[in-house]
Amino acid sequence: MPKTDRALTQLRRICLALPDTKETITWGQPHFRVGEKIFAGYGEERDWVAIGFKLTMEHADLAVRDSRFRRAPYVGHKGWVSLDASRITDWGEVRGYIRESYELIAPKKSLAKLKTPA
């Protein structure tokens, strides 16, 4: 199995373990939603396969200093970043980014279902 397919499998595990989430195909690629709002995505982006998610603006500004990240097309100015899926070595780190994105996007009723605070 290619490393990027393993990345999608791991991303699914992380995203779908969060309350009120689902996977949809949006713009031809897998995206993960809480309610009807996207909090993470996966797919080809320019020259790499990326995992996209939203961070606080301050966190996004720090993340893009690392060459594994870049601002996401169209929504990077709102804190969305893309992570090169082929360069992931620590899925705990990715889980933290996804959790941050979820918490920024999810409605209060979904946030209340989280077992532990971030």
C-alpha atoms as a PDB file:
ATOM      1  CA  MET A   1       0.000   0.000   0.000  1.00  0.00           C
ATOM      2  CA  PRO A   2       1.488   3.414  -0.895  1.00  0.00           C
ATOM      3  CA  LYS A   3       2.418   5.615   2.054  1.00  0.00           C
ATOM      4  CA  THR A   4      -0.218   8.175   1.052  1.00  0.00           C
ATOM      5  CA  ASP A   5      -2.963   5.507   1.220  1.00  0.00           C
ATOM      6  CA  ARG A   6      -1.779   4.677   4.739  1.00  0.00           C
ATOM      7  CA  ALA A   7      -2.013   8.384   5.499  1.00  0.00           C
ATOM      8  CA  LEU A   8      -5.662   8.492   4.400  1.00  0.00           C
ATOM      9  CA  THR A   9      -6.413   5.432   6.530  1.00  0.00           C
ATOM     10  CA  GLN A  10      -4.810   7.080   9.582  1.00  0.00           C
ATOM     11  CA  LEU A  11      -6.577  10.372   8.886  1.00  0.00           C
ATOM     12  CA  ARG A  12      -9.934   8.575   8.709  1.00  0.00           C
ATOM     13  CA  ARG A  13      -9.282   6.944  12.085  1.00  0.00           C
ATOM     14  CA  ILE A  14      -8.476  10.287  13.675  1.00  0.00           C
ATOM     15  CA  CYS A  15     -11.303  12.287  12.124  1.00  0.00           C
ATOM     16  CA  LEU A  16     -14.101   9.748  12.410  1.00  0.00           C
ATOM     17  CA  ALA A  17     -13.327   9.129  16.100  1.00  0.00           C
ATOM     18  CA  LEU A  18     -14.457  12.696  16.863  1.00  0.00           C
ATOM     19  CA  PRO A  19     -18.140  13.341  17.680  1.00  0.00           C
ATOM     20  CA  ASP A  20     -20.671  13.989  14.909  1.00  0.00           C
ATOM     21  CA  THR A  21     -18.206  13.532  12.042  1.00  0.00           C
ATOM     22  CA  LYS A  22     -18.546  12.047   8.584  1.00  0.00           C
ATOM     23  CA  GLU A  23     -16.488  11.631   5.438  1.00  0.00           C
ATOM     24  CA  THR A  24     -17.690  13.155   2.179  1.00  0.00           C
ATOM     25  CA  ILE A  25     -16.225  13.459  -1.279  1.00  0.00           C
ATOM     26  CA  THR A  26     -15.948  17.177  -1.938  1.00  0.00           C
ATOM     27  CA  TRP A  27     -14.223  18.609  -5.009  1.00  0.00           C
ATOM     28  CA  GLY A  28     -13.435  14.998  -5.916  1.00  0.00           C
ATOM     29  CA  GLN A  29     -11.399  14.303  -2.761  1.00  0.00           C
ATOM     30  CA  PRO A  30     -12.091  12.988   0.774  1.00  0.00           C
ATOM     31  CA  HIS A  31     -13.082  15.628   3.313  1.00  0.00           C
ATOM     32  CA  PHE A  32     -14.171  15.284   6.900  1.00  0.00           C
ATOM     33  CA  ARG A  33     -17.046  17.254   8.329  1.00  0.00           C
ATOM     34  CA  VAL A  34     -18.550  17.957  11.694  1.00  0.00           C
ATOM     35  CA  GLY A  35     -22.177  18.606  10.956  1.00  0.00           C
ATOM     36  CA  GLU A  36     -21.977  20.182   7.512  1.00  0.00           C
ATOM     37  CA  LYS A  37     -18.683  22.053   8.021  1.00  0.00           C
ATOM     38  CA  ILE A  38     -15.334  20.773   6.759  1.00  0.00           C
ATOM     39  CA  PHE A  39     -12.576  20.490   9.375  1.00  0.00           C
ATOM     40  CA  ALA A  40     -10.053  18.363   7.442  1.00  0.00           C
ATOM     41  CA  GLY A  41      -9.333  17.194   3.934  1.00  0.00           C
ATOM     42  CA  TYR A  42      -7.028  14.913   1.995  1.00  0.00           C
ATOM     43  CA  GLY A  43      -5.882  14.960  -1.591  1.00  0.00           C
ATOM     44  CA  GLU A  44      -3.541  16.035  -4.323  1.00  0.00           C
ATOM     45  CA  GLU A  45      -2.435  19.624  -4.122  1.00  0.00           C
ATOM     46  CA  ARG A  46       0.045  20.970  -6.644  1.00  0.00           C
ATOM     47  CA  ASP A  47       3.090  18.701  -6.264  1.00  0.00           C
ATOM     48  CA  TRP A  48       2.181  16.651  -3.180  1.00  0.00           C
ATOM     49  CA  VAL A  49      -0.575  14.733  -1.426  1.00  0.00           C
ATOM     50  CA  ALA A  50      -1.723  16.868   1.465  1.00  0.00           C
ATOM     51  CA  ILE A  51      -3.748  16.744   4.623  1.00  0.00           C
ATOM     52  CA  GLY A  52      -5.476  20.067   5.137  1.00  0.00           C
ATOM     53  CA  PHE A  53      -6.866  21.517   8.365  1.00  0.00           C
ATOM     54  CA  LYS A  54      -7.550  24.806  10.086  1.00  0.00           C
ATOM     55  CA  LEU A  55      -5.371  26.237  12.864  1.00  0.00           C
ATOM     56  CA  THR A  56      -5.525  29.456  14.795  1.00  0.00           C
ATOM     57  CA  MET A  57      -3.895  32.209  12.744  1.00  0.00           C
ATOM     58  CA  GLU A  58      -0.928  32.335  15.131  1.00  0.00           C
ATOM     59  CA  HIS A  59      -0.444  28.579  14.948  1.00  0.00           C
ATOM     60  CA  ALA A  60      -0.776  28.595  11.146  1.00  0.00           C
ATOM     61  CA  ASP A  61       1.848  31.344  10.901  1.00  0.00           C
ATOM     62  CA  LEU A  62       4.242  29.181  12.928  1.00  0.00           C
ATOM     63  CA  ALA A  63       3.420  25.978  11.045  1.00  0.00           C
ATOM     64  CA  VAL A  64       4.225  27.352   7.594  1.00  0.00           C
ATOM     65  CA  ARG A  65       7.772  28.108   8.728  1.00  0.00           C
ATOM     66  CA  ASP A  66       8.270  24.325   8.605  1.00  0.00           C
ATOM     67  CA  SER A  67       8.804  23.043   5.039  1.00  0.00           C
ATOM     68  CA  ARG A  68       6.289  20.223   5.598  1.00  0.00           C
ATOM     69  CA  PHE A  69       3.505  22.826   5.593  1.00  0.00           C
ATOM     70  CA  ARG A  70       2.152  25.498   3.302  1.00  0.00           C
ATOM     71  CA  ARG A  71      -0.881  27.726   3.380  1.00  0.00           C
ATOM     72  CA  ALA A  72      -3.850  25.976   1.828  1.00  0.00           C
ATOM     73  CA  PRO A  73      -5.058  27.280  -1.534  1.00  0.00           C
ATOM     74  CA  TYR A  74      -7.988  29.717  -1.338  1.00  0.00           C
ATOM     75  CA  VAL A  75      -8.407  29.562   2.459  1.00  0.00           C
ATOM     76  CA  GLY A  76      -4.850  29.911   3.796  1.00  0.00           C
ATOM     77  CA  HIS A  77      -5.614  33.491   4.814  1.00  0.00           C
ATOM     78  CA  LYS A  78      -8.182  32.059   7.274  1.00  0.00           C
ATOM     79  CA  GLY A  79      -5.731  29.743   9.036  1.00  0.00           C
ATOM     80  CA  TRP A  80      -5.998  26.677   6.804  1.00  0.00           C
ATOM     81  CA  VAL A  81      -2.735  24.847   6.136  1.00  0.00           C
ATOM     82  CA  SER A  82      -1.683  21.812   4.125  1.00  0.00           C
ATOM     83  CA  LEU A  83       0.717  19.187   5.459  1.00  0.00           C
ATOM     84  CA  ASP A  84       2.724  17.020   3.060  1.00  0.00           C
ATOM     85  CA  ALA A  85       1.324  13.549   3.842  1.00  0.00           C
ATOM     86  CA  SER A  86       4.510  11.813   2.684  1.00  0.00           C
ATOM     87  CA  ARG A  87       6.527  13.557   5.399  1.00  0.00           C
ATOM     88  CA  ILE A  88       4.438  12.573   8.424  1.00  0.00           C
ATOM     89  CA  THR A  89       6.482  10.759  11.068  1.00  0.00           C
ATOM     90  CA  ASP A  90       4.356  11.448  14.157  1.00  0.00           C
ATOM     91  CA  TRP A  91       0.632  10.748  13.959  1.00  0.00           C
ATOM     92  CA  GLY A  92       0.200  12.078  17.502  1.00  0.00           C
ATOM     93  CA  GLU A  93       1.258  15.469  16.155  1.00  0.00           C
ATOM     94  CA  VAL A  94      -1.273  15.185  13.317  1.00  0.00           C
ATOM     95  CA  ARG A  95      -3.981  14.152  15.792  1.00  0.00           C
ATOM     96  CA  GLY A  96      -3.331  17.402  17.686  1.00  0.00           C
ATOM     97  CA  TYR A  97      -3.686  19.492  14.513  1.00  0.00           C
ATOM     98  CA  ILE A  98      -6.912  17.724  13.569  1.00  0.00           C
ATOM     99  CA  ARG A  99      -8.264  18.180  17.075  1.00  0.00           C
ATOM    100  CA  GLU A 100      -7.468  21.907  16.935  1.00  0.00           C
ATOM    101  CA  SER A 101      -9.240  22.198  13.589  1.00  0.00           C
ATOM    102  CA  TYR A 102     -12.252  20.281  14.870  1.00  0.00           C
ATOM    103  CA  GLU A 103     -12.494  22.519  17.927  1.00  0.00           C
ATOM    104  CA  LEU A 104     -12.342  25.645  15.756  1.00  0.00           C
ATOM    105  CA  ILE A 105     -15.118  24.382  13.449  1.00  0.00           C
ATOM    106  CA  ALA A 106     -17.462  22.212  15.544  1.00  0.00           C
ATOM    107  CA  PRO A 107     -20.710  23.507  17.032  1.00  0.00           C
ATOM    108  CA  LYS A 108     -20.969  23.682  20.822  1.00  0.00           C
ATOM    109  CA  LYS A 109     -23.189  20.588  21.023  1.00  0.00           C
ATOM    110  CA  SER A 110     -20.484  18.506  19.307  1.00  0.00           C
ATOM    111  CA  LEU A 111     -17.696  20.025  21.394  1.00  0.00           C
ATOM    112  CA  ALA A 112     -19.610  19.072  24.536  1.00  0.00           C
ATOM    113  CA  LYS A 113     -19.327  15.408  23.508  1.00  0.00           C
ATOM    114  CA  LEU A 114     -15.519  15.419  23.543  1.00  0.00           C
ATOM    115  CA  LYS A 115     -14.169  13.226  26.324  1.00  0.00           C
ATOM    116  CA  THR A 116     -11.198  15.372  27.243  1.00  0.00           C
ATOM    117  CA  PRO A 117     -10.132  18.943  26.502  1.00  0.00           C
ATOM    118  CA  ALA A 118      -7.214  19.443  24.102  1.00  0.00           C
END
